[in-house]
C-alpha atoms as a PDB file:
ATOM      1  CA  MET A   1    -116.949-105.124 -80.644  1.00  0.00           C
ATOM      2  CA  LYS A   2    -118.715-103.435 -77.842  1.00  0.00           C
ATOM      3  CA  GLN A   3    -121.834-100.893 -78.489  1.00  0.00           C
ATOM      4  CA  ARG A   4    -121.592 -97.573 -76.935  1.00  0.00           C
ATOM      5  CA  ILE A   5    -124.243 -96.292 -74.784  1.00  0.00           C
ATOM      6  CA  LEU A   6    -124.982 -93.131 -76.012  1.00  0.00           C
ATOM      7  CA  SER A   7    -126.743 -91.681 -72.794  1.00  0.00           C
ATOM      8  CA  VAL A   8    -123.545 -92.400 -70.745  1.00  0.00           C
ATOM      9  CA  ASP A   9    -121.553 -90.715 -73.489  1.00  0.00           C
ATOM     10  CA  PHE A  10    -123.971 -87.681 -73.317  1.00  0.00           C
ATOM     11  CA  VAL A  11    -123.623 -87.696 -69.522  1.00  0.00           C
ATOM     12  CA  LYS A  12    -119.826 -87.775 -69.522  1.00  0.00           C
ATOM     13  CA  PHE A  13    -119.725 -84.867 -72.300  1.00  0.00           C
ATOM     14  CA  ILE A  14    -122.027 -82.887 -69.775  1.00  0.00           C
ATOM     15  CA  SER A  15    -119.990 -83.427 -66.877  1.00  0.00           C
ATOM     16  CA  ILE A  16    -116.616 -82.900 -68.651  1.00  0.00           C
ATOM     17  CA  PHE A  17    -118.404 -79.576 -70.135  1.00  0.00           C
ATOM     18  CA  LEU A  18    -119.546 -78.307 -66.550  1.00  0.00           C
ATOM     19  CA  VAL A  19    -115.997 -78.934 -65.179  1.00  0.00           C
ATOM     20  CA  VAL A  20    -114.602 -76.720 -67.904  1.00  0.00           C
ATOM     21  CA  TRP A  21    -117.423 -74.169 -67.401  1.00  0.00           C
ATOM     22  CA  CYS A  22    -116.371 -74.012 -63.629  1.00  0.00           C
ATOM     23  CA  HIS A  23    -112.721 -73.311 -64.392  1.00  0.00           C
ATOM     24  CA  VAL A  24    -113.842 -70.560 -66.555  1.00  0.00           C
ATOM     25  CA  ILE A  25    -116.156 -69.330 -63.928  1.00  0.00           C
ATOM     26  CA  GLU A  26    -113.186 -69.298 -61.517  1.00  0.00           C
ATOM     27  CA  GLY A  27    -111.147 -66.999 -63.692  1.00  0.00           C
ATOM     28  CA  ILE A  28    -113.829 -64.416 -63.985  1.00  0.00           C
ATOM     29  CA  ASP A  29    -114.565 -62.198 -60.965  1.00  0.00           C
ATOM     30  CA  THR A  30    -116.734 -64.407 -58.711  1.00  0.00           C
ATOM     31  CA  ASP A  31    -118.113 -61.642 -56.323  1.00  0.00           C
ATOM     32  CA  GLY A  32    -121.450 -62.114 -58.128  1.00  0.00           C
ATOM     33  CA  PHE A  33    -124.159 -63.904 -56.591  1.00  0.00           C
ATOM     34  CA  TRP A  34    -124.977 -65.698 -59.992  1.00  0.00           C
ATOM     35  CA  GLN A  35    -121.333 -66.908 -60.385  1.00  0.00           C
ATOM     36  CA  ASN A  36    -121.079 -68.124 -57.026  1.00  0.00           C
ATOM     37  CA  SER A  37    -124.355 -69.941 -57.057  1.00  0.00           C
ATOM     38  CA  VAL A  38    -123.577 -71.766 -60.235  1.00  0.00           C
ATOM     39  CA  HIS A  39    -120.188 -72.590 -59.302  1.00  0.00           C
ATOM     40  CA  HIS A  40    -121.294 -74.218 -56.011  1.00  0.00           C
ATOM     41  CA  VAL A  41    -124.023 -76.019 -57.645  1.00  0.00           C
ATOM     42  CA  ILE A  42    -121.714 -77.531 -60.172  1.00  0.00           C
ATOM     43  CA  TYR A  43    -119.015 -78.511 -57.775  1.00  0.00           C
ATOM     44  CA  SER A  44    -121.711 -79.893 -55.426  1.00  0.00           C
ATOM     45  CA  PHE A  45    -122.613 -82.960 -58.069  1.00  0.00           C
ATOM     46  CA  HIS A  46    -119.899 -83.267 -60.766  1.00  0.00           C
ATOM     47  CA  MET A  47    -117.412 -85.379 -58.823  1.00  0.00           C
ATOM     48  CA  PRO A  48    -119.797 -87.619 -57.437  1.00  0.00           C
ATOM     49  CA  LEU A  49    -121.371 -87.981 -60.962  1.00  0.00           C
ATOM     50  CA  PHE A  50    -118.012 -89.009 -62.178  1.00  0.00           C
ATOM     51  CA  ILE A  51    -117.672 -91.559 -59.586  1.00  0.00           C
ATOM     52  CA  TYR A  52    -121.320 -92.861 -60.442  1.00  0.00           C
ATOM     53  CA  ILE A  53    -120.339 -93.242 -64.042  1.00  0.00           C
ATOM     54  CA  SER A  54    -117.159 -95.145 -63.368  1.00  0.00           C
ATOM     55  CA  GLY A  55    -118.876 -97.469 -61.050  1.00  0.00           C
ATOM     56  CA  TYR A  56    -121.617 -98.016 -63.761  1.00  0.00           C
ATOM     57  CA  LEU A  57    -119.172 -98.883 -66.402  1.00  0.00           C
ATOM     58  CA  SER A  58    -117.272-101.267 -64.352  1.00  0.00           C
ATOM     59  CA  LYS A  59    -117.423-104.964 -64.860  1.00  0.00           C
ATOM     60  CA  ASN A  60    -119.762-105.737 -61.919  1.00  0.00           C
ATOM     61  CA  VAL A  61    -122.588-103.342 -62.246  1.00  0.00           C
ATOM     62  CA  ASN A  62    -124.838-104.598 -59.679  1.00  0.00           C
ATOM     63  CA  LYS A  63    -122.407-104.806 -56.872  1.00  0.00           C
ATOM     64  CA  SER A  64    -121.326-101.082 -57.872  1.00  0.00           C
ATOM     65  CA  LYS A  65    -124.722 -99.966 -57.609  1.00  0.00           C
ATOM     66  CA  LYS A  66    -125.137-101.267 -54.079  1.00  0.00           C
ATOM     67  CA  ILE A  67    -121.819 -99.858 -53.001  1.00  0.00           C
ATOM     68  CA  PHE A  68    -122.761 -96.373 -54.470  1.00  0.00           C
ATOM     69  CA  LEU A  69    -125.838 -96.213 -52.753  1.00  0.00           C
ATOM     70  CA  LYS A  70    -124.896 -97.553 -49.407  1.00  0.00           C
ATOM     71  CA  ASP A  71    -121.405 -95.986 -49.001  1.00  0.00           C
ATOM     72  CA  LEU A  72    -121.417 -92.935 -51.375  1.00  0.00           C
ATOM     73  CA  LEU A  73    -124.853 -91.589 -51.970  1.00  0.00           C
ATOM     74  CA  ILE A  74    -126.362 -91.961 -48.569  1.00  0.00           C
ATOM     75  CA  PRO A  75    -123.553 -90.440 -46.720  1.00  0.00           C
ATOM     76  CA  TYR A  76    -123.193 -87.514 -49.479  1.00  0.00           C
ATOM     77  CA  ILE A  77    -126.818 -86.627 -48.855  1.00  0.00           C
ATOM     78  CA  PHE A  78    -126.493 -86.363 -45.267  1.00  0.00           C
END
């Protein structure tokens, strides 16, 4: 039986919580600066975080890290 990595589970939990929280914020009147700022910040990183976690949990971790850095992270930053 495989052991679970608690830090990865925690990051997945936080990511899912942030997605739900963004959907809640969308339902609220988002004319305020605070709501718009939080919404944009969360949406700027939660999907790349899911992609990174999926790659980390894939069978070939070293290849996934190289692909993530070269093909996803660098273009995302620029």
